[in-house]
């Protein structure tokens, strides 16, 4: 697990839980630092997926961010109070 010493200055919310974050972090970095490795499930098998490439190429880190599905968490900087939800693969098929 990624562990970083020092203070955090923001709070984001993941599936209703408060997660500390730092200005300049991407959502994926903040989630990984908090020990959260799954941001979505696949549409067919419901297999868990999470941040992988950390540069926007693989689309494994998709999540619902402030109500908007299919957001690449590795590319989106955190904002105080941001709401992130794990993306259910079956739900995205009907969207």
C-alpha atoms as a PDB file:
ATOM      1  CA  UNK A   1       0.000   0.000   0.000  1.00  0.00           C
ATOM      2  CA  UNK A   2       1.158   3.531  -0.768  1.00  0.00           C
ATOM      3  CA  UNK A   3       1.887   5.454   2.424  1.00  0.00           C
ATOM      4  CA  UNK A   4       2.918   9.095   2.446  1.00  0.00           C
ATOM      5  CA  UNK A   5       3.847  11.001   5.588  1.00  0.00           C
ATOM      6  CA  UNK A   6       2.684  14.545   6.066  1.00  0.00           C
ATOM      7  CA  UNK A   7      -0.499  16.526   6.264  1.00  0.00           C
ATOM      8  CA  UNK A   8      -3.475  16.393   3.969  1.00  0.00           C
ATOM      9  CA  UNK A   9      -5.481  19.532   3.239  1.00  0.00           C
ATOM     10  CA  UNK A  10      -8.611  18.243   1.458  1.00  0.00           C
ATOM     11  CA  UNK A  11     -11.365  15.721   2.042  1.00  0.00           C
ATOM     12  CA  UNK A  12     -13.019  13.759  -0.749  1.00  0.00           C
ATOM     13  CA  UNK A  13     -15.814  11.218  -0.359  1.00  0.00           C
ATOM     14  CA  UNK A  14     -15.667   7.702  -1.798  1.00  0.00           C
ATOM     15  CA  UNK A  15     -18.845   5.609  -1.515  1.00  0.00           C
ATOM     16  CA  UNK A  16     -19.852   7.780   1.442  1.00  0.00           C
ATOM     17  CA  UNK A  17     -16.550   7.524   3.348  1.00  0.00           C
ATOM     18  CA  UNK A  18     -14.294  10.517   3.972  1.00  0.00           C
ATOM     19  CA  UNK A  19     -10.863  10.170   2.343  1.00  0.00           C
ATOM     20  CA  UNK A  20      -7.992  12.593   3.084  1.00  0.00           C
ATOM     21  CA  UNK A  21      -6.254  14.061   0.045  1.00  0.00           C
ATOM     22  CA  UNK A  22      -3.638  16.623  -0.884  1.00  0.00           C
ATOM     23  CA  UNK A  23      -3.887  19.527  -3.279  1.00  0.00           C
ATOM     24  CA  UNK A  24      -2.338  18.389  -6.559  1.00  0.00           C
ATOM     25  CA  UNK A  25      -3.245  14.704  -6.121  1.00  0.00           C
ATOM     26  CA  UNK A  26      -5.313  12.931  -8.720  1.00  0.00           C
ATOM     27  CA  UNK A  27      -8.362  11.071  -7.428  1.00  0.00           C
ATOM     28  CA  UNK A  28      -6.571   7.780  -8.148  1.00  0.00           C
ATOM     29  CA  UNK A  29      -3.543   8.782  -6.050  1.00  0.00           C
ATOM     30  CA  UNK A  30      -5.744   9.831  -3.111  1.00  0.00           C
ATOM     31  CA  UNK A  31      -7.715   6.569  -3.273  1.00  0.00           C
ATOM     32  CA  UNK A  32      -4.592   4.408  -3.526  1.00  0.00           C
ATOM     33  CA  UNK A  33      -3.011   6.284  -0.586  1.00  0.00           C
ATOM     34  CA  UNK A  34      -6.159   5.426   1.411  1.00  0.00           C
ATOM     35  CA  UNK A  35      -5.852   1.734   0.473  1.00  0.00           C
ATOM     36  CA  UNK A  36      -8.708   1.750  -2.056  1.00  0.00           C
ATOM     37  CA  UNK A  37      -7.725  -0.227  -5.155  1.00  0.00           C
ATOM     38  CA  UNK A  38     -11.078  -0.822  -6.902  1.00  0.00           C
ATOM     39  CA  UNK A  39     -12.953   1.998  -8.647  1.00  0.00           C
ATOM     40  CA  UNK A  40     -15.236   0.003 -10.935  1.00  0.00           C
ATOM     41  CA  UNK A  41     -16.444  -3.434 -11.989  1.00  0.00           C
ATOM     42  CA  UNK A  42     -16.572  -4.772 -15.543  1.00  0.00           C
ATOM     43  CA  UNK A  43     -19.907  -4.950 -17.405  1.00  0.00           C
ATOM     44  CA  UNK A  44     -19.839  -8.673 -18.263  1.00  0.00           C
ATOM     45  CA  UNK A  45     -18.193 -10.489 -15.351  1.00  0.00           C
ATOM     46  CA  UNK A  46     -18.334  -7.832 -12.603  1.00  0.00           C
ATOM     47  CA  UNK A  47     -14.560  -8.236 -12.156  1.00  0.00           C
ATOM     48  CA  UNK A  48     -12.956  -5.491 -10.046  1.00  0.00           C
ATOM     49  CA  UNK A  49     -10.793  -2.876 -11.768  1.00  0.00           C
ATOM     50  CA  UNK A  50      -8.770   0.057 -10.517  1.00  0.00           C
ATOM     51  CA  UNK A  51      -5.910   2.411 -11.335  1.00  0.00           C
ATOM     52  CA  UNK A  52      -3.267   0.727 -13.471  1.00  0.00           C
ATOM     53  CA  UNK A  53      -1.341   2.904 -15.907  1.00  0.00           C
ATOM     54  CA  UNK A  54      -1.824   6.230 -14.059  1.00  0.00           C
ATOM     55  CA  UNK A  55      -1.536   8.172 -17.339  1.00  0.00           C
ATOM     56  CA  UNK A  56      -4.984   7.922 -18.944  1.00  0.00           C
ATOM     57  CA  UNK A  57      -4.245   5.169 -21.479  1.00  0.00           C
ATOM     58  CA  UNK A  58      -5.962   2.084 -20.050  1.00  0.00           C
ATOM     59  CA  UNK A  59      -9.364   3.314 -18.717  1.00  0.00           C
ATOM     60  CA  UNK A  60      -9.258   0.835 -15.815  1.00  0.00           C
ATOM     61  CA  UNK A  61      -9.725   3.557 -13.183  1.00  0.00           C
ATOM     62  CA  UNK A  62     -13.166   4.785 -14.258  1.00  0.00           C
ATOM     63  CA  UNK A  63     -15.556   5.948 -11.537  1.00  0.00           C
ATOM     64  CA  UNK A  64     -18.602   8.161 -11.054  1.00  0.00           C
ATOM     65  CA  UNK A  65     -17.328  11.607 -10.024  1.00  0.00           C
ATOM     66  CA  UNK A  66     -19.840  14.193  -8.825  1.00  0.00           C
ATOM     67  CA  UNK A  67     -22.576  12.258 -10.639  1.00  0.00           C
ATOM     68  CA  UNK A  68     -20.667  11.935 -13.922  1.00  0.00           C
ATOM     69  CA  UNK A  69     -19.869   8.308 -14.916  1.00  0.00           C
ATOM     70  CA  UNK A  70     -16.812   7.123 -16.878  1.00  0.00           C
ATOM     71  CA  UNK A  71     -14.424   9.644 -15.318  1.00  0.00           C
ATOM     72  CA  UNK A  72     -10.754   8.663 -15.461  1.00  0.00           C
ATOM     73  CA  UNK A  73      -9.681   9.055 -11.834  1.00  0.00           C
ATOM     74  CA  UNK A  74      -5.980   9.093 -12.731  1.00  0.00           C
ATOM     75  CA  UNK A  75      -6.476  12.235 -14.824  1.00  0.00           C
ATOM     76  CA  UNK A  76      -8.848  14.188 -12.544  1.00  0.00           C
ATOM     77  CA  UNK A  77      -7.351  16.367  -9.786  1.00  0.00           C
ATOM     78  CA  UNK A  78      -9.047  16.273  -6.397  1.00  0.00           C
ATOM     79  CA  UNK A  79     -11.233  19.112  -5.130  1.00  0.00           C
ATOM     80  CA  UNK A  80     -12.389  19.522  -1.560  1.00  0.00           C
ATOM     81  CA  UNK A  81     -15.771  17.832  -1.046  1.00  0.00           C
ATOM     82  CA  UNK A  82     -15.666  15.873  -4.313  1.00  0.00           C
ATOM     83  CA  UNK A  83     -18.007  12.833  -4.359  1.00  0.00           C
ATOM     84  CA  UNK A  84     -16.731   9.650  -5.989  1.00  0.00           C
ATOM     85  CA  UNK A  85     -18.666   6.402  -6.332  1.00  0.00           C
ATOM     86  CA  UNK A  86     -17.473   2.984  -7.444  1.00  0.00           C
ATOM     87  CA  UNK A  87     -18.810   2.458 -10.968  1.00  0.00           C
ATOM     88  CA  UNK A  88     -20.945  -0.657 -11.407  1.00  0.00           C
ATOM     89  CA  UNK A  89     -20.187  -2.175 -14.816  1.00  0.00           C
ATOM     90  CA  UNK A  90     -23.757  -3.342 -15.375  1.00  0.00           C
ATOM     91  CA  UNK A  91     -25.057   0.176 -14.755  1.00  0.00           C
ATOM     92  CA  UNK A  92     -22.825   1.645 -17.474  1.00  0.00           C
ATOM     93  CA  UNK A  93     -24.277  -0.687 -20.137  1.00  0.00           C
ATOM     94  CA  UNK A  94     -27.673   0.922 -19.775  1.00  0.00           C
ATOM     95  CA  UNK A  95     -26.353   4.495 -19.532  1.00  0.00           C
END
